[in-house]
């Protein structure tokens, strides 16, 4: 099995748990290759086989906490305004238990509940 393949059990479990999730979810290899996407991510144009950091502008990935999450084997969270979506996102990087090189990445749009201080001046 190459570094970019995941076993059927992991692939099936990903889709079982995340295909009906209302926000994009990606299963990503530590080299940033997207291995699986849920239905919402697919509908938004995300696809497998590309590096997540090669999507959008490079500066949109400056807050990425994937390396830290993988090194510490614990979930990381970042809440902030994401200009391309014009939304306050509650973002997570979650390492898969028992794996040193796979993690989930997703973000919830929490704009309607966000503090005014998180929104840009308009």
C-alpha atoms as a PDB file:
ATOM      1  CA  UNK A   1       0.000   0.000   0.000  1.00  0.00           C
ATOM      2  CA  UNK A   2       1.489   3.342  -1.016  1.00  0.00           C
ATOM      3  CA  UNK A   3       1.521   6.326   1.323  1.00  0.00           C
ATOM      4  CA  UNK A   4      -1.489   7.781  -0.499  1.00  0.00           C
ATOM      5  CA  UNK A   5      -3.731   4.769  -0.170  1.00  0.00           C
ATOM      6  CA  UNK A   6      -6.003   4.116   2.762  1.00  0.00           C
ATOM      7  CA  UNK A   7      -7.498   0.782   3.627  1.00  0.00           C
ATOM      8  CA  UNK A   8     -11.135   0.066   2.801  1.00  0.00           C
ATOM      9  CA  UNK A   9     -12.197   0.156   6.453  1.00  0.00           C
ATOM     10  CA  UNK A  10     -10.886   3.702   6.957  1.00  0.00           C
ATOM     11  CA  UNK A  11     -12.379   4.847   3.637  1.00  0.00           C
ATOM     12  CA  UNK A  12     -15.800   3.323   4.397  1.00  0.00           C
ATOM     13  CA  UNK A  13     -15.784   4.694   7.946  1.00  0.00           C
ATOM     14  CA  UNK A  14     -14.949   8.185   6.696  1.00  0.00           C
ATOM     15  CA  UNK A  15     -17.912   8.178   4.337  1.00  0.00           C
ATOM     16  CA  UNK A  16     -20.235   6.553   6.892  1.00  0.00           C
ATOM     17  CA  UNK A  17     -19.550   9.279   9.443  1.00  0.00           C
ATOM     18  CA  UNK A  18     -19.067  12.353   7.252  1.00  0.00           C
ATOM     19  CA  UNK A  19     -21.018  12.117   3.988  1.00  0.00           C
ATOM     20  CA  UNK A  20     -24.089  13.739   5.583  1.00  0.00           C
ATOM     21  CA  UNK A  21     -22.071  16.299   7.568  1.00  0.00           C
ATOM     22  CA  UNK A  22     -23.261  19.807   6.577  1.00  0.00           C
ATOM     23  CA  UNK A  23     -19.749  21.263   6.119  1.00  0.00           C
ATOM     24  CA  UNK A  24     -16.785  20.087   4.031  1.00  0.00           C
ATOM     25  CA  UNK A  25     -14.651  17.374   5.650  1.00  0.00           C
ATOM     26  CA  UNK A  26     -11.386  16.059   4.223  1.00  0.00           C
ATOM     27  CA  UNK A  27      -9.215  13.088   5.151  1.00  0.00           C
ATOM     28  CA  UNK A  28      -5.670  14.224   4.489  1.00  0.00           C
ATOM     29  CA  UNK A  29      -2.199  12.634   4.459  1.00  0.00           C
ATOM     30  CA  UNK A  30       0.542  14.471   6.348  1.00  0.00           C
ATOM     31  CA  UNK A  31       2.052  15.585   3.015  1.00  0.00           C
ATOM     32  CA  UNK A  32      -1.273  17.426   2.478  1.00  0.00           C
ATOM     33  CA  UNK A  33      -2.650  15.086  -0.196  1.00  0.00           C
ATOM     34  CA  UNK A  34      -6.433  14.882   0.102  1.00  0.00           C
ATOM     35  CA  UNK A  35      -7.380  11.199   0.287  1.00  0.00           C
ATOM     36  CA  UNK A  36     -11.155  11.457   0.779  1.00  0.00           C
ATOM     37  CA  UNK A  37     -13.790  14.182   0.836  1.00  0.00           C
ATOM     38  CA  UNK A  38     -17.366  14.123   2.060  1.00  0.00           C
ATOM     39  CA  UNK A  39     -20.354  14.943  -0.129  1.00  0.00           C
ATOM     40  CA  UNK A  40     -20.408  18.628   0.873  1.00  0.00           C
ATOM     41  CA  UNK A  41     -16.710  19.068   0.091  1.00  0.00           C
ATOM     42  CA  UNK A  42     -17.196  17.393  -3.267  1.00  0.00           C
ATOM     43  CA  UNK A  43     -20.145  19.679  -4.070  1.00  0.00           C
ATOM     44  CA  UNK A  44     -17.916  22.669  -3.251  1.00  0.00           C
ATOM     45  CA  UNK A  45     -15.300  21.522  -5.745  1.00  0.00           C
ATOM     46  CA  UNK A  46     -12.777  19.805  -3.464  1.00  0.00           C
ATOM     47  CA  UNK A  47     -11.352  16.584  -4.821  1.00  0.00           C
ATOM     48  CA  UNK A  48      -8.945  13.824  -3.917  1.00  0.00           C
ATOM     49  CA  UNK A  49      -5.405  13.444  -5.180  1.00  0.00           C
ATOM     50  CA  UNK A  50      -4.498  17.119  -4.843  1.00  0.00           C
ATOM     51  CA  UNK A  51      -2.711  18.807  -1.974  1.00  0.00           C
ATOM     52  CA  UNK A  52      -5.036  20.903   0.163  1.00  0.00           C
ATOM     53  CA  UNK A  53      -2.405  23.637   0.363  1.00  0.00           C
ATOM     54  CA  UNK A  54      -2.502  23.941  -3.435  1.00  0.00           C
ATOM     55  CA  UNK A  55      -6.174  24.961  -3.338  1.00  0.00           C
ATOM     56  CA  UNK A  56      -6.982  28.638  -3.050  1.00  0.00           C
ATOM     57  CA  UNK A  57      -4.309  31.196  -2.235  1.00  0.00           C
ATOM     58  CA  UNK A  58      -1.232  30.190  -0.257  1.00  0.00           C
ATOM     59  CA  UNK A  59      -1.904  32.800   2.433  1.00  0.00           C
ATOM     60  CA  UNK A  60      -5.242  31.124   3.189  1.00  0.00           C
ATOM     61  CA  UNK A  61      -3.261  28.227   4.663  1.00  0.00           C
ATOM     62  CA  UNK A  62      -0.999  30.256   6.963  1.00  0.00           C
ATOM     63  CA  UNK A  63      -2.983  29.263  10.066  1.00  0.00           C
ATOM     64  CA  UNK A  64      -2.780  25.531   9.312  1.00  0.00           C
ATOM     65  CA  UNK A  65      -2.323  23.476  12.478  1.00  0.00           C
ATOM     66  CA  UNK A  66      -1.899  20.066  10.805  1.00  0.00           C
ATOM     67  CA  UNK A  67       1.791  19.640  11.702  1.00  0.00           C
ATOM     68  CA  UNK A  68       1.132  20.506  15.325  1.00  0.00           C
ATOM     69  CA  UNK A  69      -1.886  18.176  15.514  1.00  0.00           C
ATOM     70  CA  UNK A  70       0.093  15.277  14.046  1.00  0.00           C
ATOM     71  CA  UNK A  71       3.191  15.893  16.197  1.00  0.00           C
ATOM     72  CA  UNK A  72       1.170  16.088  19.410  1.00  0.00           C
ATOM     73  CA  UNK A  73      -1.431  13.494  18.338  1.00  0.00           C
ATOM     74  CA  UNK A  74      -4.227  15.722  19.567  1.00  0.00           C
ATOM     75  CA  UNK A  75      -6.941  17.781  17.908  1.00  0.00           C
ATOM     76  CA  UNK A  76      -6.205  21.436  17.225  1.00  0.00           C
ATOM     77  CA  UNK A  77      -8.745  24.229  16.841  1.00  0.00           C
ATOM     78  CA  UNK A  78      -8.621  27.695  15.306  1.00  0.00           C
ATOM     79  CA  UNK A  79     -11.496  30.186  15.252  1.00  0.00           C
ATOM     80  CA  UNK A  80     -11.257  33.229  13.019  1.00  0.00           C
ATOM     81  CA  UNK A  81     -12.549  35.207  10.088  1.00  0.00           C
ATOM     82  CA  UNK A  82     -11.795  33.563   6.732  1.00  0.00           C
ATOM     83  CA  UNK A  83     -11.959  36.224   4.040  1.00  0.00           C
ATOM     84  CA  UNK A  84     -12.552  33.962   0.976  1.00  0.00           C
ATOM     85  CA  UNK A  85     -15.756  32.648   2.546  1.00  0.00           C
ATOM     86  CA  UNK A  86     -16.619  35.925   4.270  1.00  0.00           C
ATOM     87  CA  UNK A  87     -17.317  33.857   7.376  1.00  0.00           C
ATOM     88  CA  UNK A  88     -16.078  33.143  10.854  1.00  0.00           C
ATOM     89  CA  UNK A  89     -14.919  29.539  10.823  1.00  0.00           C
ATOM     90  CA  UNK A  90     -14.399  27.140  13.703  1.00  0.00           C
ATOM     91  CA  UNK A  91     -11.683  24.936  12.164  1.00  0.00           C
ATOM     92  CA  UNK A  92     -10.272  21.614  13.369  1.00  0.00           C
ATOM     93  CA  UNK A  93      -7.351  19.327  12.530  1.00  0.00           C
ATOM     94  CA  UNK A  94      -7.909  15.909  14.102  1.00  0.00           C
ATOM     95  CA  UNK A  95      -5.313  13.114  13.841  1.00  0.00           C
ATOM     96  CA  UNK A  96      -6.743   9.648  13.292  1.00  0.00           C
ATOM     97  CA  UNK A  97      -6.174   7.405  16.288  1.00  0.00           C
ATOM     98  CA  UNK A  98      -3.407   4.904  15.587  1.00  0.00           C
ATOM     99  CA  UNK A  99      -2.030   6.820  12.601  1.00  0.00           C
ATOM    100  CA  UNK A 100       0.977   9.130  12.488  1.00  0.00           C
ATOM    101  CA  UNK A 101       0.192  10.425   9.016  1.00  0.00           C
ATOM    102  CA  UNK A 102      -3.594  10.869   8.590  1.00  0.00           C
ATOM    103  CA  UNK A 103      -5.876  13.585   9.874  1.00  0.00           C
ATOM    104  CA  UNK A 104      -9.327  15.039   9.354  1.00  0.00           C
ATOM    105  CA  UNK A 105      -9.751  18.698   8.541  1.00  0.00           C
ATOM    106  CA  UNK A 106     -13.054  20.540   8.685  1.00  0.00           C
ATOM    107  CA  UNK A 107     -14.483  23.911   9.617  1.00  0.00           C
ATOM    108  CA  UNK A 108     -17.928  25.012  10.770  1.00  0.00           C
ATOM    109  CA  UNK A 109     -19.348  28.373   9.723  1.00  0.00           C
ATOM    110  CA  UNK A 110     -20.225  30.070  13.027  1.00  0.00           C
ATOM    111  CA  UNK A 111     -20.640  33.593  11.682  1.00  0.00           C
ATOM    112  CA  UNK A 112     -24.152  34.070  13.059  1.00  0.00           C
ATOM    113  CA  UNK A 113     -22.903  33.303  16.592  1.00  0.00           C
ATOM    114  CA  UNK A 114     -19.530  35.062  16.379  1.00  0.00           C
ATOM    115  CA  UNK A 115     -18.494  37.994  18.519  1.00  0.00           C
ATOM    116  CA  UNK A 116     -18.400  41.322  16.702  1.00  0.00           C
ATOM    117  CA  UNK A 117     -14.640  41.467  17.338  1.00  0.00           C
ATOM    118  CA  UNK A 118     -14.135  38.496  14.980  1.00  0.00           C
ATOM    119  CA  UNK A 119     -15.849  40.240  12.076  1.00  0.00           C
ATOM    120  CA  UNK A 120     -14.031  42.665   9.777  1.00  0.00           C
ATOM    121  CA  UNK A 121     -14.840  46.357   9.893  1.00  0.00           C
ATOM    122  CA  UNK A 122     -17.463  47.132   7.313  1.00  0.00           C
END
